[in-house]
Amino acid sequence: MGTVVACSSTSATSSGVDPKKALDALSPAEVQSLCDWTAKAEGGYGNTVVCNAGGASLEVPVDQANCVTDVTPHWGQRTCVAPVSDWMTCARWAFANVCATPALAHPASCVAIDVDCFGGDDSVPRPDSGSD
C-alpha cells in the first residue's frame, strides 16, 4: 500500500468512520474519509518517507482521488472484513516503524489485512495507499 495524508477535519484519533465497521462495507464517502485520515496520519498526501538504510520507504498517494482508486478494489473484496480500527492501528504502526532496522514483526491484525484485502502472504501492506 502507499501512504495517505490530507488536510482533513478529522483528528489524528478519529477518522469520522465507525471504527467497528468492516472495510468491505464502507460507503464511497467513508472510503474518502478514511483515505484522508490515513494520509494525515502518515504525513500528508504526497509525503514520502525514505529510510537511510535503503530499501524500505513509505509513499502517500498524491491526493484523495488516487488513494480511493488504490484502495477501493482491495477494501471492496468480500474477504476484507477487518474493522476500520484495525486499519487505523496498522497505518499508525506502519508509519512509526517504516524505517525500523531490523524489520519488526507486523501485528497480527496487519497481516490479516494484507492477506484478506491485498492478497499478501505474510508481508504487511503499508496502510496508506492500498497498492500492492
N, C-alpha and C. Protein backbone atom coordinates (compact mmCIF):
# COMPACT_ATOMS: atom_id res chain seq x y z
N MET A 1 0.84 -1.16 0.00
CA MET A 1 0.00 0.00 0.00
C MET A 1 0.88 1.21 0.00
N GLY A 2 0.29 2.34 -0.18
CA GLY A 2 1.03 3.58 -0.16
C GLY A 2 0.74 4.32 1.11
N THR A 3 0.87 5.60 1.07
CA THR A 3 0.60 6.38 2.26
C THR A 3 -0.38 7.46 1.90
N VAL A 4 -1.23 7.84 2.83
CA VAL A 4 -2.23 8.85 2.54
C VAL A 4 -2.23 9.90 3.62
N VAL A 5 -2.25 11.17 3.23
CA VAL A 5 -2.36 12.24 4.20
C VAL A 5 -3.05 13.41 3.54
N ALA A 6 -3.84 14.11 4.29
CA ALA A 6 -4.51 15.27 3.72
C ALA A 6 -4.98 16.19 4.80
N CYS A 7 -5.40 17.36 4.37
CA CYS A 7 -5.97 18.30 5.32
C CYS A 7 -7.41 17.87 5.51
N SER A 8 -7.67 17.32 6.64
CA SER A 8 -8.99 16.78 6.92
C SER A 8 -9.49 17.37 8.22
N SER A 9 -10.77 17.40 8.37
CA SER A 9 -11.33 17.93 9.61
C SER A 9 -11.32 16.88 10.72
N THR A 10 -10.92 15.66 10.39
CA THR A 10 -10.88 14.63 11.41
C THR A 10 -9.59 14.73 12.21
N SER A 11 -9.63 14.29 13.43
CA SER A 11 -8.44 14.34 14.28
C SER A 11 -7.57 13.13 14.02
N ALA A 12 -6.39 13.12 14.63
CA ALA A 12 -5.48 12.00 14.45
C ALA A 12 -6.03 10.72 15.07
N THR A 13 -6.99 10.84 15.96
CA THR A 13 -7.52 9.65 16.61
C THR A 13 -8.87 9.23 16.03
N SER A 14 -9.50 10.07 15.25
CA SER A 14 -10.81 9.75 14.70
C SER A 14 -10.83 9.97 13.20
N SER A 15 -11.28 8.96 12.49
CA SER A 15 -11.39 9.07 11.03
C SER A 15 -12.76 9.60 10.61
N GLY A 16 -13.68 9.65 11.57
CA GLY A 16 -15.05 10.02 11.23
C GLY A 16 -15.85 8.84 10.73
N VAL A 17 -15.23 7.66 10.72
CA VAL A 17 -15.89 6.43 10.27
C VAL A 17 -16.01 5.52 11.49
N ASP A 18 -17.12 4.84 11.60
CA ASP A 18 -17.34 3.91 12.72
C ASP A 18 -16.18 2.92 12.78
N PRO A 19 -15.42 2.90 13.88
CA PRO A 19 -14.25 2.02 13.98
C PRO A 19 -14.59 0.54 13.95
N LYS A 20 -15.84 0.19 14.18
CA LYS A 20 -16.24 -1.22 14.16
C LYS A 20 -16.70 -1.68 12.78
N LYS A 21 -16.88 -0.74 11.87
CA LYS A 21 -17.37 -1.09 10.54
C LYS A 21 -16.29 -1.81 9.75
N ALA A 22 -16.69 -2.85 9.02
CA ALA A 22 -15.75 -3.62 8.19
C ALA A 22 -15.33 -2.81 6.97
N LEU A 23 -14.08 -2.99 6.57
CA LEU A 23 -13.58 -2.26 5.41
C LEU A 23 -14.40 -2.54 4.15
N ASP A 24 -14.88 -3.77 3.99
CA ASP A 24 -15.65 -4.11 2.79
C ASP A 24 -17.07 -3.52 2.79
N ALA A 25 -17.46 -2.89 3.88
CA ALA A 25 -18.80 -2.31 3.98
C ALA A 25 -18.80 -0.79 3.92
N LEU A 26 -17.66 -0.19 3.63
CA LEU A 26 -17.57 1.27 3.63
C LEU A 26 -18.28 1.87 2.41
N SER A 27 -18.95 3.00 2.65
CA SER A 27 -19.55 3.76 1.56
C SER A 27 -18.44 4.55 0.86
N PRO A 28 -18.70 5.06 -0.33
CA PRO A 28 -17.69 5.88 -1.00
C PRO A 28 -17.23 7.08 -0.15
N ALA A 29 -18.16 7.72 0.56
CA ALA A 29 -17.79 8.85 1.42
C ALA A 29 -16.91 8.40 2.58
N GLU A 30 -17.19 7.21 3.11
CA GLU A 30 -16.37 6.69 4.21
C GLU A 30 -14.97 6.31 3.73
N VAL A 31 -14.87 5.78 2.52
CA VAL A 31 -13.55 5.48 1.95
C VAL A 31 -12.75 6.78 1.82
N GLN A 32 -13.40 7.84 1.35
CA GLN A 32 -12.72 9.13 1.23
C GLN A 32 -12.25 9.62 2.60
N SER A 33 -13.11 9.52 3.60
CA SER A 33 -12.73 9.96 4.95
C SER A 33 -11.57 9.15 5.51
N LEU A 34 -11.60 7.84 5.30
CA LEU A 34 -10.52 7.00 5.81
C LEU A 34 -9.23 7.24 5.04
N CYS A 35 -9.32 7.52 3.76
CA CYS A 35 -8.13 7.90 3.00
C CYS A 35 -7.54 9.19 3.57
N ASP A 36 -8.39 10.17 3.84
CA ASP A 36 -7.91 11.44 4.40
C ASP A 36 -7.25 11.22 5.76
N TRP A 37 -7.88 10.40 6.60
CA TRP A 37 -7.30 10.14 7.91
C TRP A 37 -5.94 9.46 7.78
N THR A 38 -5.87 8.44 6.90
CA THR A 38 -4.63 7.69 6.73
C THR A 38 -3.53 8.60 6.23
N ALA A 39 -3.84 9.43 5.25
CA ALA A 39 -2.84 10.36 4.72
C ALA A 39 -2.35 11.30 5.81
N LYS A 40 -3.27 11.82 6.58
CA LYS A 40 -2.90 12.74 7.65
C LYS A 40 -2.01 12.05 8.67
N ALA A 41 -2.33 10.79 9.00
CA ALA A 41 -1.55 10.03 9.98
C ALA A 41 -0.15 9.73 9.46
N GLU A 42 0.02 9.75 8.14
CA GLU A 42 1.31 9.41 7.54
C GLU A 42 2.02 10.61 6.94
N GLY A 43 1.67 11.80 7.37
CA GLY A 43 2.42 12.98 6.96
C GLY A 43 1.83 13.80 5.84
N GLY A 44 0.71 13.42 5.32
CA GLY A 44 0.03 14.21 4.31
C GLY A 44 0.12 13.61 2.91
N TYR A 45 -0.86 13.95 2.11
CA TYR A 45 -0.86 13.47 0.72
C TYR A 45 0.44 13.92 0.06
N GLY A 46 1.02 13.01 -0.70
CA GLY A 46 2.26 13.30 -1.41
C GLY A 46 3.52 13.11 -0.59
N ASN A 47 3.38 12.81 0.70
CA ASN A 47 4.55 12.62 1.56
C ASN A 47 5.27 11.32 1.18
N THR A 48 6.59 11.37 1.26
CA THR A 48 7.40 10.17 1.06
C THR A 48 8.40 10.10 2.19
N VAL A 49 8.50 8.94 2.81
CA VAL A 49 9.49 8.69 3.84
C VAL A 49 10.49 7.71 3.22
N VAL A 50 11.74 8.16 3.09
CA VAL A 50 12.79 7.30 2.56
C VAL A 50 13.73 6.99 3.71
N CYS A 51 13.99 5.74 3.90
CA CYS A 51 14.84 5.32 5.01
C CYS A 51 16.31 5.37 4.61
N ASN A 52 17.14 5.81 5.54
CA ASN A 52 18.58 5.92 5.28
C ASN A 52 19.22 4.59 4.93
N ALA A 53 18.75 3.51 5.51
CA ALA A 53 19.33 2.19 5.26
C ALA A 53 18.95 1.67 3.88
N GLY A 54 18.10 2.38 3.19
CA GLY A 54 17.68 1.95 1.87
C GLY A 54 16.58 0.91 1.92
N GLY A 55 16.05 0.60 0.80
CA GLY A 55 15.03 -0.44 0.71
C GLY A 55 13.65 0.05 1.10
N ALA A 56 13.39 0.11 2.39
CA ALA A 56 12.05 0.47 2.86
C ALA A 56 11.75 1.94 2.62
N SER A 57 10.53 2.21 2.28
CA SER A 57 10.07 3.58 2.16
C SER A 57 8.55 3.57 2.26
N LEU A 58 8.00 4.74 2.43
CA LEU A 58 6.56 4.88 2.55
C LEU A 58 6.15 6.03 1.65
N GLU A 59 5.25 5.77 0.74
CA GLU A 59 4.77 6.80 -0.17
C GLU A 59 3.28 6.99 0.03
N VAL A 60 2.90 8.21 0.33
CA VAL A 60 1.48 8.54 0.50
C VAL A 60 0.95 8.96 -0.87
N PRO A 61 -0.23 8.49 -1.24
CA PRO A 61 -0.80 8.93 -2.52
C PRO A 61 -0.79 10.45 -2.63
N VAL A 62 -0.74 10.94 -3.85
CA VAL A 62 -0.65 12.38 -4.06
C VAL A 62 -1.91 13.12 -3.65
N ASP A 63 -3.05 12.44 -3.68
CA ASP A 63 -4.30 13.09 -3.30
C ASP A 63 -5.36 12.04 -2.96
N GLN A 64 -6.50 12.53 -2.52
CA GLN A 64 -7.58 11.65 -2.10
C GLN A 64 -8.05 10.76 -3.26
N ALA A 65 -8.18 11.32 -4.44
CA ALA A 65 -8.68 10.54 -5.58
C ALA A 65 -7.77 9.35 -5.86
N ASN A 66 -6.46 9.54 -5.79
CA ASN A 66 -5.54 8.43 -6.01
C ASN A 66 -5.64 7.40 -4.91
N CYS A 67 -5.81 7.82 -3.69
CA CYS A 67 -5.98 6.89 -2.58
C CYS A 67 -7.23 6.04 -2.80
N VAL A 68 -8.33 6.68 -3.10
CA VAL A 68 -9.60 5.97 -3.30
C VAL A 68 -9.45 4.95 -4.43
N THR A 69 -8.81 5.36 -5.52
CA THR A 69 -8.58 4.45 -6.64
C THR A 69 -7.72 3.27 -6.23
N ASP A 70 -6.72 3.52 -5.38
CA ASP A 70 -5.82 2.46 -4.93
C ASP A 70 -6.52 1.46 -4.02
N VAL A 71 -7.28 1.94 -3.03
CA VAL A 71 -7.81 1.04 -2.01
C VAL A 71 -9.16 0.41 -2.34
N THR A 72 -9.96 1.04 -3.16
CA THR A 72 -11.31 0.55 -3.43
C THR A 72 -11.34 -0.90 -3.91
N PRO A 73 -10.50 -1.32 -4.86
CA PRO A 73 -10.57 -2.72 -5.28
C PRO A 73 -10.21 -3.69 -4.15
N HIS A 74 -9.38 -3.26 -3.23
CA HIS A 74 -8.95 -4.12 -2.14
C HIS A 74 -9.98 -4.15 -1.01
N TRP A 75 -10.38 -2.97 -0.56
CA TRP A 75 -11.34 -2.88 0.53
C TRP A 75 -12.70 -3.42 0.12
N GLY A 76 -13.01 -3.42 -1.15
CA GLY A 76 -14.31 -3.88 -1.62
C GLY A 76 -14.45 -5.39 -1.70
N GLN A 77 -13.38 -6.12 -1.48
CA GLN A 77 -13.45 -7.58 -1.55
C GLN A 77 -14.23 -8.14 -0.36
N ARG A 78 -14.98 -9.17 -0.59
CA ARG A 78 -15.78 -9.79 0.49
C ARG A 78 -14.91 -10.35 1.60
N THR A 79 -13.66 -10.66 1.31
CA THR A 79 -12.75 -11.19 2.33
C THR A 79 -12.14 -10.09 3.19
N CYS A 80 -12.34 -8.86 2.83
CA CYS A 80 -11.73 -7.73 3.53
C CYS A 80 -12.66 -7.25 4.65
N VAL A 81 -12.75 -8.05 5.70
CA VAL A 81 -13.72 -7.80 6.76
C VAL A 81 -13.10 -7.18 8.02
N ALA A 82 -11.84 -6.80 7.96
CA ALA A 82 -11.20 -6.16 9.13
C ALA A 82 -11.93 -4.87 9.46
N PRO A 83 -12.03 -4.56 10.74
CA PRO A 83 -12.68 -3.31 11.12
C PRO A 83 -11.78 -2.10 10.84
N VAL A 84 -12.40 -0.97 10.66
CA VAL A 84 -11.68 0.28 10.44
C VAL A 84 -10.63 0.51 11.53
N SER A 85 -10.95 0.15 12.78
CA SER A 85 -10.00 0.35 13.87
C SER A 85 -8.70 -0.41 13.63
N ASP A 86 -8.77 -1.61 13.03
CA ASP A 86 -7.55 -2.35 12.72
C ASP A 86 -6.74 -1.63 11.64
N TRP A 87 -7.42 -1.11 10.63
CA TRP A 87 -6.73 -0.35 9.58
C TRP A 87 -5.99 0.84 10.19
N MET A 88 -6.67 1.55 11.08
CA MET A 88 -6.06 2.73 11.71
C MET A 88 -4.83 2.34 12.55
N THR A 89 -4.96 1.26 13.29
CA THR A 89 -3.83 0.77 14.09
C THR A 89 -2.66 0.41 13.18
N CYS A 90 -2.94 -0.24 12.08
CA CYS A 90 -1.88 -0.65 11.15
C CYS A 90 -1.24 0.55 10.46
N ALA A 91 -2.03 1.54 10.12
CA ALA A 91 -1.47 2.75 9.50
C ALA A 91 -0.51 3.44 10.45
N ARG A 92 -0.92 3.57 11.70
CA ARG A 92 -0.04 4.20 12.70
C ARG A 92 1.23 3.37 12.89
N TRP A 93 1.07 2.05 12.99
CA TRP A 93 2.21 1.16 13.18
C TRP A 93 3.18 1.26 12.01
N ALA A 94 2.65 1.22 10.78
CA ALA A 94 3.50 1.27 9.59
C ALA A 94 4.29 2.57 9.54
N PHE A 95 3.64 3.68 9.83
CA PHE A 95 4.34 4.97 9.78
C PHE A 95 5.42 5.04 10.85
N ALA A 96 5.12 4.54 12.04
CA ALA A 96 6.09 4.59 13.14
C ALA A 96 7.26 3.63 12.94
N ASN A 97 7.08 2.60 12.13
CA ASN A 97 8.10 1.56 12.02
C ASN A 97 8.66 1.36 10.62
N VAL A 98 8.33 2.22 9.68
CA VAL A 98 8.74 2.02 8.29
C VAL A 98 10.26 1.89 8.15
N CYS A 99 11.03 2.59 8.96
CA CYS A 99 12.49 2.55 8.84
C CYS A 99 13.15 1.68 9.90
N ALA A 100 12.37 0.88 10.62
CA ALA A 100 12.93 0.04 11.68
C ALA A 100 13.92 -0.97 11.09
N THR A 101 15.08 -1.03 11.73
CA THR A 101 16.10 -1.99 11.33
C THR A 101 16.59 -2.68 12.58
N PRO A 102 16.51 -3.98 12.67
CA PRO A 102 15.94 -4.87 11.66
C PRO A 102 14.42 -4.72 11.60
N ALA A 103 13.86 -5.24 10.53
CA ALA A 103 12.41 -5.14 10.35
C ALA A 103 11.70 -5.80 11.53
N LEU A 104 10.69 -5.13 12.00
CA LEU A 104 9.91 -5.64 13.14
C LEU A 104 8.80 -6.56 12.65
N ALA A 105 8.40 -7.48 13.51
CA ALA A 105 7.27 -8.35 13.19
C ALA A 105 6.01 -7.50 13.11
N HIS A 106 5.22 -7.74 12.10
CA HIS A 106 3.98 -6.99 11.91
C HIS A 106 2.91 -7.50 12.85
N PRO A 107 2.10 -6.60 13.41
CA PRO A 107 0.98 -7.04 14.25
C PRO A 107 0.06 -7.99 13.47
N ALA A 108 -0.52 -8.94 14.16
CA ALA A 108 -1.38 -9.95 13.51
C ALA A 108 -2.53 -9.32 12.73
N SER A 109 -3.11 -8.24 13.26
CA SER A 109 -4.22 -7.62 12.55
C SER A 109 -3.76 -7.02 11.22
N CYS A 110 -2.52 -6.57 11.15
CA CYS A 110 -1.98 -6.00 9.91
C CYS A 110 -1.71 -7.11 8.89
N VAL A 111 -1.23 -8.24 9.37
CA VAL A 111 -1.01 -9.39 8.49
C VAL A 111 -2.37 -9.84 7.93
N ALA A 112 -3.39 -9.86 8.77
CA ALA A 112 -4.72 -10.26 8.32
C ALA A 112 -5.24 -9.33 7.22
N ILE A 113 -5.03 -8.04 7.37
CA ILE A 113 -5.45 -7.08 6.34
C ILE A 113 -4.69 -7.33 5.06
N ASP A 114 -3.39 -7.56 5.16
CA ASP A 114 -2.58 -7.83 3.97
C ASP A 114 -3.10 -9.05 3.23
N VAL A 115 -3.37 -10.12 3.96
CA VAL A 115 -3.81 -11.37 3.35
C VAL A 115 -5.25 -11.24 2.83
N ASP A 116 -6.16 -10.76 3.66
CA ASP A 116 -7.58 -10.76 3.32
C ASP A 116 -7.99 -9.65 2.35
N CYS A 117 -7.26 -8.55 2.35
CA CYS A 117 -7.64 -7.42 1.50
C CYS A 117 -6.72 -7.22 0.30
N PHE A 118 -5.44 -7.55 0.49
CA PHE A 118 -4.45 -7.25 -0.53
C PHE A 118 -3.81 -8.48 -1.16
N GLY A 119 -4.27 -9.66 -0.76
CA GLY A 119 -3.77 -10.89 -1.35
C GLY A 119 -2.34 -11.22 -0.98
N GLY A 120 -1.85 -10.66 0.12
CA GLY A 120 -0.49 -10.93 0.55
C GLY A 120 -0.39 -12.30 1.18
N ASP A 121 0.84 -12.68 1.49
CA ASP A 121 1.02 -13.96 2.17
C ASP A 121 1.37 -13.71 3.62
N ASP A 122 2.52 -13.18 3.91
CA ASP A 122 2.86 -12.90 5.30
C ASP A 122 3.51 -11.54 5.44
N SER A 123 3.51 -10.75 4.38
CA SER A 123 4.04 -9.40 4.47
C SER A 123 2.87 -8.46 4.72
N VAL A 124 3.16 -7.27 5.18
CA VAL A 124 2.08 -6.36 5.54
C VAL A 124 2.11 -5.14 4.63
N PRO A 125 0.94 -4.71 4.15
CA PRO A 125 0.87 -3.52 3.33
C PRO A 125 1.11 -2.29 4.19
N ARG A 126 1.54 -1.27 3.61
CA ARG A 126 1.61 -0.01 4.33
C ARG A 126 0.22 0.57 4.27
N PRO A 127 -0.45 0.70 5.38
CA PRO A 127 -1.84 1.16 5.40
C PRO A 127 -1.97 2.60 4.97
N ASP A 128 -1.58 2.86 3.80
CA ASP A 128 -1.64 4.22 3.36
C ASP A 128 -2.14 4.36 1.95
N SER A 129 -1.68 3.56 1.04
CA SER A 129 -2.16 3.79 -0.31
C SER A 129 -3.04 2.68 -0.83
N GLY A 130 -2.75 1.48 -0.51
CA GLY A 130 -3.60 0.40 -0.99
C GLY A 130 -3.04 -0.31 -2.20
N SER A 131 -1.94 0.15 -2.75
CA SER A 131 -1.38 -0.58 -3.87
C SER A 131 -0.50 -1.70 -3.35
N ASP A 132 -0.36 -2.75 -4.15
CA ASP A 132 0.44 -3.90 -3.71
C ASP A 132 1.89 -3.58 -3.68
